[in-house]
PDB file of all heavy atoms in Angstrom:
ATOM      1  N   ARG A   1      27.441  -1.819 -23.798  1.00  0.00           N
ATOM      2  CA  ARG A   1      27.203  -1.693 -25.232  1.00  0.00           C
ATOM      3  C   ARG A   1      25.774  -2.060 -25.615  1.00  0.00           C
ATOM      4  O   ARG A   1      25.323  -1.759 -26.711  1.00  0.00           O
ATOM      5  CB  ARG A   1      28.168  -2.597 -26.000  1.00  0.00           C
ATOM      6  CG  ARG A   1      29.637  -2.236 -25.808  1.00  0.00           C
ATOM      7  CD  ARG A   1      29.954  -0.863 -26.337  1.00  0.00           C
ATOM      8  NE  ARG A   1      31.374  -0.567 -26.264  1.00  0.00           N
ATOM      9  CZ  ARG A   1      31.898   0.634 -26.478  1.00  0.00           C
ATOM     10  NH1 ARG A   1      31.111   1.657 -26.745  1.00  0.00           N
ATOM     11  NH2 ARG A   1      33.197   0.836 -26.402  1.00  0.00           N
ATOM     12  N   SER A   2      25.063  -2.732 -24.730  1.00  0.00           N
ATOM     13  CA  SER A   2      23.727  -3.209 -25.054  1.00  0.00           C
ATOM     14  C   SER A   2      22.671  -2.129 -24.839  1.00  0.00           C
ATOM     15  O   SER A   2      22.894  -1.138 -24.135  1.00  0.00           O
ATOM     16  CB  SER A   2      23.386  -4.423 -24.181  1.00  0.00           C
ATOM     17  OG  SER A   2      23.452  -4.080 -22.816  1.00  0.00           O
ATOM     18  N   GLY A   3      21.508  -2.338 -25.450  1.00  0.00           N
ATOM     19  CA  GLY A   3      20.380  -1.454 -25.236  1.00  0.00           C
ATOM     20  C   GLY A   3      20.687  -0.019 -25.637  1.00  0.00           C
ATOM     21  O   GLY A   3      21.398   0.238 -26.607  1.00  0.00           O
ATOM     22  N   GLU A   4      20.170   0.923 -24.874  1.00  0.00           N
ATOM     23  CA  GLU A   4      20.304   2.344 -25.196  1.00  0.00           C
ATOM     24  C   GLU A   4      21.355   3.053 -24.332  1.00  0.00           C
ATOM     25  O   GLU A   4      21.428   4.283 -24.336  1.00  0.00           O
ATOM     26  CB  GLU A   4      18.960   3.044 -25.002  1.00  0.00           C
ATOM     27  CG  GLU A   4      17.866   2.524 -25.928  1.00  0.00           C
ATOM     28  CD  GLU A   4      16.532   3.184 -25.633  1.00  0.00           C
ATOM     29  OE1 GLU A   4      16.400   4.392 -25.882  1.00  0.00           O
ATOM     30  OE2 GLU A   4      15.634   2.490 -25.133  1.00  0.00           O
ATOM     31  N   TYR A   5      22.176   2.282 -23.620  1.00  0.00           N
ATOM     32  CA  TYR A   5      23.115   2.901 -22.684  1.00  0.00           C
ATOM     33  C   TYR A   5      24.063   3.876 -23.368  1.00  0.00           C
ATOM     34  O   TYR A   5      24.353   4.947 -22.837  1.00  0.00           O
ATOM     35  CB  TYR A   5      23.905   1.832 -21.942  1.00  0.00           C
ATOM     36  CG  TYR A   5      23.056   1.017 -20.989  1.00  0.00           C
ATOM     37  CD1 TYR A   5      22.757  -0.313 -21.260  1.00  0.00           C
ATOM     38  CD2 TYR A   5      22.531   1.586 -19.834  1.00  0.00           C
ATOM     39  CE1 TYR A   5      21.962  -1.062 -20.403  1.00  0.00           C
ATOM     40  CE2 TYR A   5      21.741   0.857 -18.964  1.00  0.00           C
ATOM     41  CZ  TYR A   5      21.455  -0.472 -19.255  1.00  0.00           C
ATOM     42  OH  TYR A   5      20.667  -1.198 -18.409  1.00  0.00           O
ATOM     43  N   GLN A   6      24.570   3.506 -24.550  1.00  0.00           N
ATOM     44  CA  GLN A   6      25.503   4.397 -25.228  1.00  0.00           C
ATOM     45  C   GLN A   6      24.848   5.719 -25.601  1.00  0.00           C
ATOM     46  O   GLN A   6      25.439   6.787 -25.456  1.00  0.00           O
ATOM     47  CB  GLN A   6      26.059   3.713 -26.479  1.00  0.00           C
ATOM     48  CG  GLN A   6      27.063   2.612 -26.166  1.00  0.00           C
ATOM     49  CD  GLN A   6      27.556   1.937 -27.425  1.00  0.00           C
ATOM     50  OE1 GLN A   6      26.910   1.052 -27.961  1.00  0.00           O
ATOM     51  NE2 GLN A   6      28.686   2.371 -27.913  1.00  0.00           N
ATOM     52  N   GLU A   7      23.612   5.644 -26.046  1.00  0.00           N
ATOM     53  CA  GLU A   7      22.878   6.854 -26.413  1.00  0.00           C
ATOM     54  C   GLU A   7      22.621   7.726 -25.191  1.00  0.00           C
ATOM     55  O   GLU A   7      22.751   8.957 -25.237  1.00  0.00           O
ATOM     56  CB  GLU A   7      21.552   6.466 -27.075  1.00  0.00           C
ATOM     57  CG  GLU A   7      20.769   7.634 -27.650  1.00  0.00           C
ATOM     58  CD  GLU A   7      19.481   7.184 -28.322  1.00  0.00           C
ATOM     59  OE1 GLU A   7      19.332   5.981 -28.595  1.00  0.00           O
ATOM     60  OE2 GLU A   7      18.626   8.059 -28.565  1.00  0.00           O
ATOM     61  N   ILE A   8      22.281   7.078 -24.072  1.00  0.00           N
ATOM     62  CA  ILE A   8      22.023   7.824 -22.842  1.00  0.00           C
ATOM     63  C   ILE A   8      23.297   8.507 -22.343  1.00  0.00           C
ATOM     64  O   ILE A   8      23.285   9.672 -21.943  1.00  0.00           O
ATOM     65  CB  ILE A   8      21.445   6.884 -21.764  1.00  0.00           C
ATOM     66  CG1 ILE A   8      20.042   6.404 -22.167  1.00  0.00           C
ATOM     67  CG2 ILE A   8      21.381   7.581 -20.406  1.00  0.00           C
ATOM     68  CD1 ILE A   8      19.511   5.261 -21.332  1.00  0.00           C
ATOM     69  N   ILE A   9      24.413   7.778 -22.365  1.00  0.00           N
ATOM     70  CA  ILE A   9      25.676   8.353 -21.907  1.00  0.00           C
ATOM     71  C   ILE A   9      26.121   9.493 -22.810  1.00  0.00           C
ATOM     72  O   ILE A   9      26.607  10.529 -22.339  1.00  0.00           O
ATOM     73  CB  ILE A   9      26.766   7.268 -21.819  1.00  0.00           C
ATOM     74  CG1 ILE A   9      26.448   6.304 -20.671  1.00  0.00           C
ATOM     75  CG2 ILE A   9      28.135   7.892 -21.606  1.00  0.00           C
ATOM     76  CD1 ILE A   9      27.345   5.101 -20.613  1.00  0.00           C
ATOM     77  N   LYS A  10      25.961   9.323 -24.105  1.00  0.00           N
ATOM     78  CA  LYS A  10      26.301  10.402 -25.041  1.00  0.00           C
ATOM     79  C   LYS A  10      25.523  11.663 -24.688  1.00  0.00           C
ATOM     80  O   LYS A  10      26.065  12.771 -24.693  1.00  0.00           O
ATOM     81  CB  LYS A  10      25.994   9.968 -26.463  1.00  0.00           C
ATOM     82  CG  LYS A  10      26.361  11.006 -27.509  1.00  0.00           C
ATOM     83  CD  LYS A  10      26.057  10.497 -28.917  1.00  0.00           C
ATOM     84  CE  LYS A  10      26.408  11.561 -29.955  1.00  0.00           C
ATOM     85  NZ  LYS A  10      26.105  11.087 -31.334  1.00  0.00           N
ATOM     86  N   ASN A  11      24.255  11.497 -24.348  1.00  0.00           N
ATOM     87  CA  ASN A  11      23.441  12.645 -23.958  1.00  0.00           C
ATOM     88  C   ASN A  11      23.913  13.238 -22.630  1.00  0.00           C
ATOM     89  O   ASN A  11      23.881  14.460 -22.445  1.00  0.00           O
ATOM     90  CB  ASN A  11      21.976  12.231 -23.855  1.00  0.00           C
ATOM     91  CG  ASN A  11      21.049  13.405 -23.694  1.00  0.00           C
ATOM     92  OD1 ASN A  11      20.827  14.163 -24.631  1.00  0.00           O
ATOM     93  ND2 ASN A  11      20.514  13.584 -22.492  1.00  0.00           N
ATOM     94  N   SER A  12      24.364  12.379 -21.707  1.00  0.00           N
ATOM     95  CA  SER A  12      24.902  12.871 -20.433  1.00  0.00           C
ATOM     96  C   SER A  12      26.071  13.822 -20.662  1.00  0.00           C
ATOM     97  O   SER A  12      26.190  14.858 -20.005  1.00  0.00           O
ATOM     98  CB  SER A  12      25.365  11.698 -19.561  1.00  0.00           C
ATOM     99  OG  SER A  12      24.296  10.858 -19.229  1.00  0.00           O
ATOM    100  N   LEU A  13      26.922  13.464 -21.609  1.00  0.00           N
ATOM    101  CA  LEU A  13      28.136  14.243 -21.842  1.00  0.00           C
ATOM    102  C   LEU A  13      27.854  15.590 -22.488  1.00  0.00           C
ATOM    103  O   LEU A  13      28.675  16.514 -22.387  1.00  0.00           O
ATOM    104  CB  LEU A  13      29.116  13.435 -22.692  1.00  0.00           C
ATOM    105  CG  LEU A  13      29.628  12.143 -22.041  1.00  0.00           C
ATOM    106  CD1 LEU A  13      30.498  11.356 -22.999  1.00  0.00           C
ATOM    107  CD2 LEU A  13      30.384  12.438 -20.756  1.00  0.00           C
ATOM    108  N   ILE A  14      26.700  15.730 -23.140  1.00  0.00           N
ATOM    109  CA  ILE A  14      26.374  17.026 -23.753  1.00  0.00           C
ATOM    110  C   ILE A  14      25.373  17.813 -22.905  1.00  0.00           C
ATOM    111  O   ILE A  14      24.961  18.904 -23.286  1.00  0.00           O
ATOM    112  CB  ILE A  14      25.847  16.864 -25.191  1.00  0.00           C
ATOM    113  CG1 ILE A  14      24.565  16.043 -25.217  1.00  0.00           C
ATOM    114  CG2 ILE A  14      26.904  16.241 -26.086  1.00  0.00           C
ATOM    115  CD1 ILE A  14      23.913  15.964 -26.606  1.00  0.00           C
ATOM    116  N   THR A  15      24.969  17.236 -21.775  1.00  0.00           N
ATOM    117  CA  THR A  15      24.133  17.982 -20.821  1.00  0.00           C
ATOM    118  C   THR A  15      24.969  18.215 -19.570  1.00  0.00           C
ATOM    119  O   THR A  15      25.776  19.139 -19.524  1.00  0.00           O
ATOM    120  CB  THR A  15      22.815  17.233 -20.522  1.00  0.00           C
ATOM    121  OG1 THR A  15      23.091  15.884 -20.094  1.00  0.00           O
ATOM    122  CG2 THR A  15      21.912  17.215 -21.741  1.00  0.00           C
ATOM    123  N   TRP A  16      24.805  17.359 -18.541  1.00  0.00           N
ATOM    124  CA  TRP A  16      25.526  17.619 -17.291  1.00  0.00           C
ATOM    125  C   TRP A  16      27.031  17.480 -17.433  1.00  0.00           C
ATOM    126  O   TRP A  16      27.790  18.089 -16.672  1.00  0.00           O
ATOM    127  CB  TRP A  16      24.986  16.747 -16.165  1.00  0.00           C
ATOM    128  CG  TRP A  16      25.131  15.257 -16.279  1.00  0.00           C
ATOM    129  CD1 TRP A  16      24.187  14.367 -16.691  1.00  0.00           C
ATOM    130  CD2 TRP A  16      26.274  14.472 -15.918  1.00  0.00           C
ATOM    131  NE1 TRP A  16      24.659  13.077 -16.628  1.00  0.00           N
ATOM    132  CE2 TRP A  16      25.939  13.121 -16.144  1.00  0.00           C
ATOM    133  CE3 TRP A  16      27.538  14.772 -15.419  1.00  0.00           C
ATOM    134  CZ2 TRP A  16      26.832  12.063 -15.908  1.00  0.00           C
ATOM    135  CZ3 TRP A  16      28.440  13.727 -15.179  1.00  0.00           C
ATOM    136  CH2 TRP A  16      28.075  12.403 -15.419  1.00  0.00           C
ATOM    137  N   GLY A  17      27.498  16.718 -18.435  1.00  0.00           N
ATOM    138  CA  GLY A  17      28.944  16.569 -18.629  1.00  0.00           C
ATOM    139  C   GLY A  17      29.641  17.865 -18.994  1.00  0.00           C
ATOM    140  O   GLY A  17      30.853  18.002 -18.816  1.00  0.00           O
ATOM    141  N   THR A  18      28.895  18.833 -19.502  1.00  0.00           N
ATOM    142  CA  THR A  18      29.492  20.127 -19.865  1.00  0.00           C
ATOM    143  C   THR A  18      29.760  21.003 -18.642  1.00  0.00           C
ATOM    144  O   THR A  18      30.379  22.056 -18.764  1.00  0.00           O
ATOM    145  CB  THR A  18      28.571  20.899 -20.826  1.00  0.00           C
ATOM    146  OG1 THR A  18      27.322  21.186 -20.170  1.00  0.00           O
ATOM    147  CG2 THR A  18      28.294  20.099 -22.087  1.00  0.00           C
ATOM    148  N   LEU A  19      29.295  20.551 -17.469  1.00  0.00           N
ATOM    149  CA  LEU A  19      29.467  21.340 -16.252  1.00  0.00           C
ATOM    150  C   LEU A  19      30.836  21.125 -15.603  1.00  0.00           C
ATOM    151  O   LEU A  19      31.130  21.717 -14.572  1.00  0.00           O
ATOM    152  CB  LEU A  19      28.366  20.993 -15.241  1.00  0.00           C
ATOM    153  CG  LEU A  19      26.927  21.164 -15.730  1.00  0.00           C
ATOM    154  CD1 LEU A  19      25.946  20.611 -14.702  1.00  0.00           C
ATOM    155  CD2 LEU A  19      26.625  22.620 -16.031  1.00  0.00           C
ATOM    156  N   LYS A  20      31.660  20.281 -16.187  1.00  0.00           N
ATOM    157  CA  LYS A  20      32.963  19.984 -15.586  1.00  0.00           C
ATOM    158  C   LYS A  20      33.903  21.192 -15.716  1.00  0.00           C
ATOM    159  O   LYS A  20      33.706  22.074 -16.550  1.00  0.00           O
ATOM    160  CB  LYS A  20      33.588  18.764 -16.249  1.00  0.00           C
ATOM    161  CG  LYS A  20      33.930  18.939 -17.716  1.00  0.00           C
ATOM    162  CD  LYS A  20      34.449  17.646 -18.310  1.00  0.00           C
ATOM    163  CE  LYS A  20      34.785  17.834 -19.783  1.00  0.00           C
ATOM    164  NZ  LYS A  20      35.272  16.582 -20.401  1.00  0.00           N
ATOM    165  N   ASN A  21      34.920  21.197 -14.865  1.00  0.00           N
ATOM    166  CA  ASN A  21      35.963  22.213 -14.949  1.00  0.00           C
ATOM    167  C   ASN A  21      37.310  21.516 -15.068  1.00  0.00           C
ATOM    168  O   ASN A  21      37.367  20.299 -15.245  1.00  0.00           O
ATOM    169  CB  ASN A  21      35.903  23.163 -13.744  1.00  0.00           C
ATOM    170  CG  ASN A  21      36.095  22.427 -12.417  1.00  0.00           C
ATOM    171  OD1 ASN A  21      36.948  21.553 -12.285  1.00  0.00           O
ATOM    172  ND2 ASN A  21      35.293  22.794 -11.419  1.00  0.00           N
ATOM    173  N   ASP A  22      38.395  22.266 -14.977  1.00  0.00           N
ATOM    174  CA  ASP A  22      39.728  21.675 -15.163  1.00  0.00           C
ATOM    175  C   ASP A  22      40.071  20.645 -14.094  1.00  0.00           C
ATOM    176  O   ASP A  22      40.992  19.846 -14.276  1.00  0.00           O
ATOM    177  CB  ASP A  22      40.794  22.774 -15.164  1.00  0.00           C
ATOM    178  CG  ASP A  22      40.725  23.654 -16.401  1.00  0.00           C
ATOM    179  OD1 ASP A  22      40.105  23.221 -17.398  1.00  0.00           O
ATOM    180  OD2 ASP A  22      41.262  24.780 -16.365  1.00  0.00           O
ATOM    181  N   ASN A  23      39.358  20.664 -12.974  1.00  0.00           N
ATOM    182  CA  ASN A  23      39.613  19.722 -11.886  1.00  0.00           C
ATOM    183  C   ASN A  23      38.621  18.556 -11.850  1.00  0.00           C
ATOM    184  O   ASN A  23      38.612  17.784 -10.898  1.00  0.00           O
ATOM    185  CB  ASN A  23      39.578  20.458 -10.547  1.00  0.00           C
ATOM    186  CG  ASN A  23      40.734  21.422 -10.400  1.00  0.00           C
ATOM    187  OD1 ASN A  23      41.878  21.087 -10.688  1.00  0.00           O
ATOM    188  ND2 ASN A  23      40.442  22.644  -9.975  1.00  0.00           N
ATOM    189  N   ILE A  24      37.792  18.456 -12.876  1.00  0.00           N
ATOM    190  CA  ILE A  24      36.834  17.352 -12.970  1.00  0.00           C
ATOM    191  C   ILE A  24      37.028  16.646 -14.306  1.00  0.00           C
ATOM    192  O   ILE A  24      36.971  17.267 -15.365  1.00  0.00           O
ATOM    193  CB  ILE A  24      35.375  17.845 -12.874  1.00  0.00           C
ATOM    194  CG1 ILE A  24      35.139  18.647 -11.593  1.00  0.00           C
ATOM    195  CG2 ILE A  24      34.408  16.666 -12.943  1.00  0.00           C
ATOM    196  CD1 ILE A  24      33.744  19.267 -11.500  1.00  0.00           C
ATOM    197  N   VAL A  25      37.263  15.342 -14.241  1.00  0.00           N
ATOM    198  CA  VAL A  25      37.419  14.524 -15.449  1.00  0.00           C
ATOM    199  C   VAL A  25      36.268  13.528 -15.495  1.00  0.00           C
ATOM    200  O   VAL A  25      35.941  12.912 -14.481  1.00  0.00           O
ATOM    201  CB  VAL A  25      38.765  13.773 -15.445  1.00  0.00           C
ATOM    202  CG1 VAL A  25      38.897  12.893 -16.676  1.00  0.00           C
ATOM    203  CG2 VAL A  25      39.920  14.763 -15.375  1.00  0.00           C
ATOM    204  N   VAL A  26      35.649  13.374 -16.681  1.00  0.00           N
ATOM    205  CA  VAL A  26      34.509  12.478 -16.835  1.00  0.00           C
ATOM    206  C   VAL A  26      34.787  11.473 -17.946  1.00  0.00           C
ATOM    207  O   VAL A  26      35.122  11.849 -19.073  1.00  0.00           O
ATOM    208  CB  VAL A  26      33.212  13.253 -17.171  1.00  0.00           C
ATOM    209  CG1 VAL A  26      32.036  12.291 -17.310  1.00  0.00           C
ATOM    210  CG2 VAL A  26      32.917  14.308 -16.112  1.00  0.00           C
ATOM    211  N   TYR A  27      34.646  10.187 -17.619  1.00  0.00           N
ATOM    212  CA  TYR A  27      34.744   9.105 -18.597  1.00  0.00           C
ATOM    213  C   TYR A  27      33.590   8.142 -18.378  1.00  0.00           C
ATOM    214  O   TYR A  27      33.097   7.990 -17.259  1.00  0.00           O
ATOM    215  CB  TYR A  27      36.053   8.315 -18.437  1.00  0.00           C
ATOM    216  CG  TYR A  27      37.291   9.078 -18.854  1.00  0.00           C
ATOM    217  CD1 TYR A  27      38.092   9.700 -17.891  1.00  0.00           C
ATOM    218  CD2 TYR A  27      37.666   9.165 -20.181  1.00  0.00           C
ATOM    219  CE1 TYR A  27      39.233  10.402 -18.257  1.00  0.00           C
ATOM    220  CE2 TYR A  27      38.804   9.869 -20.557  1.00  0.00           C
ATOM    221  CZ  TYR A  27      39.583  10.475 -19.596  1.00  0.00           C
ATOM    222  OH  TYR A  27      40.708  11.173 -19.959  1.00  0.00           O
ATOM    223  N   ASN A  28      33.172   7.491 -19.442  1.00  0.00           N
ATOM    224  CA  ASN A  28      32.295   6.333 -19.289  1.00  0.00           C
ATOM    225  C   ASN A  28      33.126   5.085 -19.533  1.00  0.00           C
ATOM    226  O   ASN A  28      34.091   5.108 -20.297  1.00  0.00           O
ATOM    227  CB  ASN A  28      31.098   6.397 -20.246  1.00  0.00           C
ATOM    228  CG  ASN A  28      31.485   6.709 -21.678  1.00  0.00           C
ATOM    229  OD1 ASN A  28      31.902   7.810 -21.989  1.00  0.00           O
ATOM    230  ND2 ASN A  28      31.350   5.735 -22.549  1.00  0.00           N
ATOM    231  N   TYR A  29      32.791   4.002 -18.850  1.00  0.00           N
ATOM    232  CA  TYR A  29      33.613   2.794 -18.998  1.00  0.00           C
ATOM    233  C   TYR A  29      32.785   1.603 -19.468  1.00  0.00           C
ATOM    234  O   TYR A  29      31.656   1.403 -19.060  1.00  0.00           O
ATOM    235  CB  TYR A  29      34.381   2.468 -17.715  1.00  0.00           C
ATOM    236  CG  TYR A  29      33.580   2.122 -16.481  1.00  0.00           C
ATOM    237  CD1 TYR A  29      33.409   0.797 -16.078  1.00  0.00           C
ATOM    238  CD2 TYR A  29      33.028   3.127 -15.679  1.00  0.00           C
ATOM    239  CE1 TYR A  29      32.703   0.482 -14.923  1.00  0.00           C
ATOM    240  CE2 TYR A  29      32.323   2.819 -14.529  1.00  0.00           C
ATOM    241  CZ  TYR A  29      32.165   1.498 -14.157  1.00  0.00           C
ATOM    242  OH  TYR A  29      31.466   1.186 -13.013  1.00  0.00           O
ATOM    243  N   TYR A  30      33.423   0.843 -20.397  1.00  0.00           N
ATOM    244  CA  TYR A  30      32.800  -0.312 -21.027  1.00  0.00           C
ATOM    245  C   TYR A  30      33.729  -1.527 -20.945  1.00  0.00           C
ATOM    246  O   TYR A  30      34.954  -1.386 -20.865  1.00  0.00           O
ATOM    247  CB  TYR A  30      32.551  -0.051 -22.513  1.00  0.00           C
ATOM    248  CG  TYR A  30      31.580   1.047 -22.839  1.00  0.00           C
ATOM    249  CD1 TYR A  30      32.029   2.263 -23.356  1.00  0.00           C
ATOM    250  CD2 TYR A  30      30.220   0.866 -22.674  1.00  0.00           C
ATOM    251  CE1 TYR A  30      31.140   3.270 -23.691  1.00  0.00           C
ATOM    252  CE2 TYR A  30      29.315   1.869 -23.004  1.00  0.00           C
ATOM    253  CZ  TYR A  30      29.780   3.064 -23.521  1.00  0.00           C
ATOM    254  OH  TYR A  30      28.902   4.051 -23.842  1.00  0.00           O
ATOM    255  N   GLY A  31      33.145  -2.700 -21.020  1.00  0.00           N
ATOM    256  CA  GLY A  31      33.907  -3.931 -21.178  1.00  0.00           C
ATOM    257  C   GLY A  31      33.961  -4.336 -22.650  1.00  0.00           C
ATOM    258  O   GLY A  31      33.813  -3.507 -23.545  1.00  0.00           O
ATOM    259  N   ASN A  32      34.220  -5.635 -22.874  1.00  0.00           N
ATOM    260  CA  ASN A  32      34.255  -6.204 -24.223  1.00  0.00           C
ATOM    261  C   ASN A  32      35.334  -5.592 -25.109  1.00  0.00           C
ATOM    262  O   ASN A  32      35.143  -5.406 -26.315  1.00  0.00           O
ATOM    263  CB  ASN A  32      32.889  -6.073 -24.922  1.00  0.00           C
ATOM    264  CG  ASN A  32      31.792  -6.821 -24.185  1.00  0.00           C
ATOM    265  OD1 ASN A  32      32.058  -7.756 -23.441  1.00  0.00           O
ATOM    266  ND2 ASN A  32      30.551  -6.417 -24.382  1.00  0.00           N
ATOM    267  N   HIS A  33      36.480  -5.277 -24.506  1.00  0.00           N
ATOM    268  CA  HIS A  33      37.607  -4.728 -25.268  1.00  0.00           C
ATOM    269  C   HIS A  33      38.797  -5.660 -25.090  1.00  0.00           C
ATOM    270  O   HIS A  33      38.863  -6.447 -24.143  1.00  0.00           O
ATOM    271  CB  HIS A  33      37.935  -3.322 -24.772  1.00  0.00           C
ATOM    272  CG  HIS A  33      38.742  -2.511 -25.732  1.00  0.00           C
ATOM    273  ND1 HIS A  33      38.311  -2.193 -27.004  1.00  0.00           N
ATOM    274  CD2 HIS A  33      39.971  -1.946 -25.604  1.00  0.00           C
ATOM    275  CE1 HIS A  33      39.236  -1.471 -27.613  1.00  0.00           C
ATOM    276  NE2 HIS A  33      40.247  -1.311 -26.782  1.00  0.00           N
ATOM    277  N   ASP A  34      39.768  -5.565 -25.996  1.00  0.00           N
ATOM    278  CA  ASP A  34      40.898  -6.501 -25.941  1.00  0.00           C
ATOM    279  C   ASP A  34      41.995  -6.070 -24.976  1.00  0.00           C
ATOM    280  O   ASP A  34      42.873  -6.865 -24.625  1.00  0.00           O
ATOM    281  CB  ASP A  34      41.488  -6.720 -27.339  1.00  0.00           C
ATOM    282  CG  ASP A  34      41.918  -5.425 -28.008  1.00  0.00           C
ATOM    283  OD1 ASP A  34      41.619  -4.347 -27.464  1.00  0.00           O
ATOM    284  OD2 ASP A  34      42.543  -5.499 -29.071  1.00  0.00           O
ATOM    285  N   LYS A  35      41.969  -4.820 -24.529  1.00  0.00           N
ATOM    286  CA  LYS A  35      42.939  -4.352 -23.542  1.00  0.00           C
ATOM    287  C   LYS A  35      42.366  -3.138 -22.829  1.00  0.00           C
ATOM    288  O   LYS A  35      41.362  -2.559 -23.249  1.00  0.00           O
ATOM    289  CB  LYS A  35      44.272  -4.001 -24.202  1.00  0.00           C
ATOM    290  CG  LYS A  35      44.195  -2.864 -25.197  1.00  0.00           C
ATOM    291  CD  LYS A  35      45.579  -2.587 -25.778  1.00  0.00           C
ATOM    292  CE  LYS A  35      45.514  -1.436 -26.794  1.00  0.00           C
ATOM    293  NZ  LYS A  35      46.872  -1.126 -27.335  1.00  0.00           N
ATOM    294  N   ASN A  36      43.022  -2.753 -21.751  1.00  0.00           N
ATOM    295  CA  ASN A  36      42.574  -1.579 -20.990  1.00  0.00           C
ATOM    296  C   ASN A  36      43.202  -0.325 -21.586  1.00  0.00           C
ATOM    297  O   ASN A  36      44.422  -0.195 -21.628  1.00  0.00           O
ATOM    298  CB  ASN A  36      42.992  -1.701 -19.522  1.00  0.00           C
ATOM    299  CG  ASN A  36      42.443  -2.946 -18.857  1.00  0.00           C
ATOM    300  OD1 ASN A  36      41.390  -3.451 -19.232  1.00  0.00           O
ATOM    301  ND2 ASN A  36      43.153  -3.446 -17.857  1.00  0.00           N
TER     302      ASN A  36
END
């Protein structure tokens, strides 16, 4: 959540993240949450 990581990841998902197909799943993972 710190720095520019969220902005960078958001950009990843609209650039290389668009290259996924039905057999590729992409998530980013963060801590600081109350449950999984």
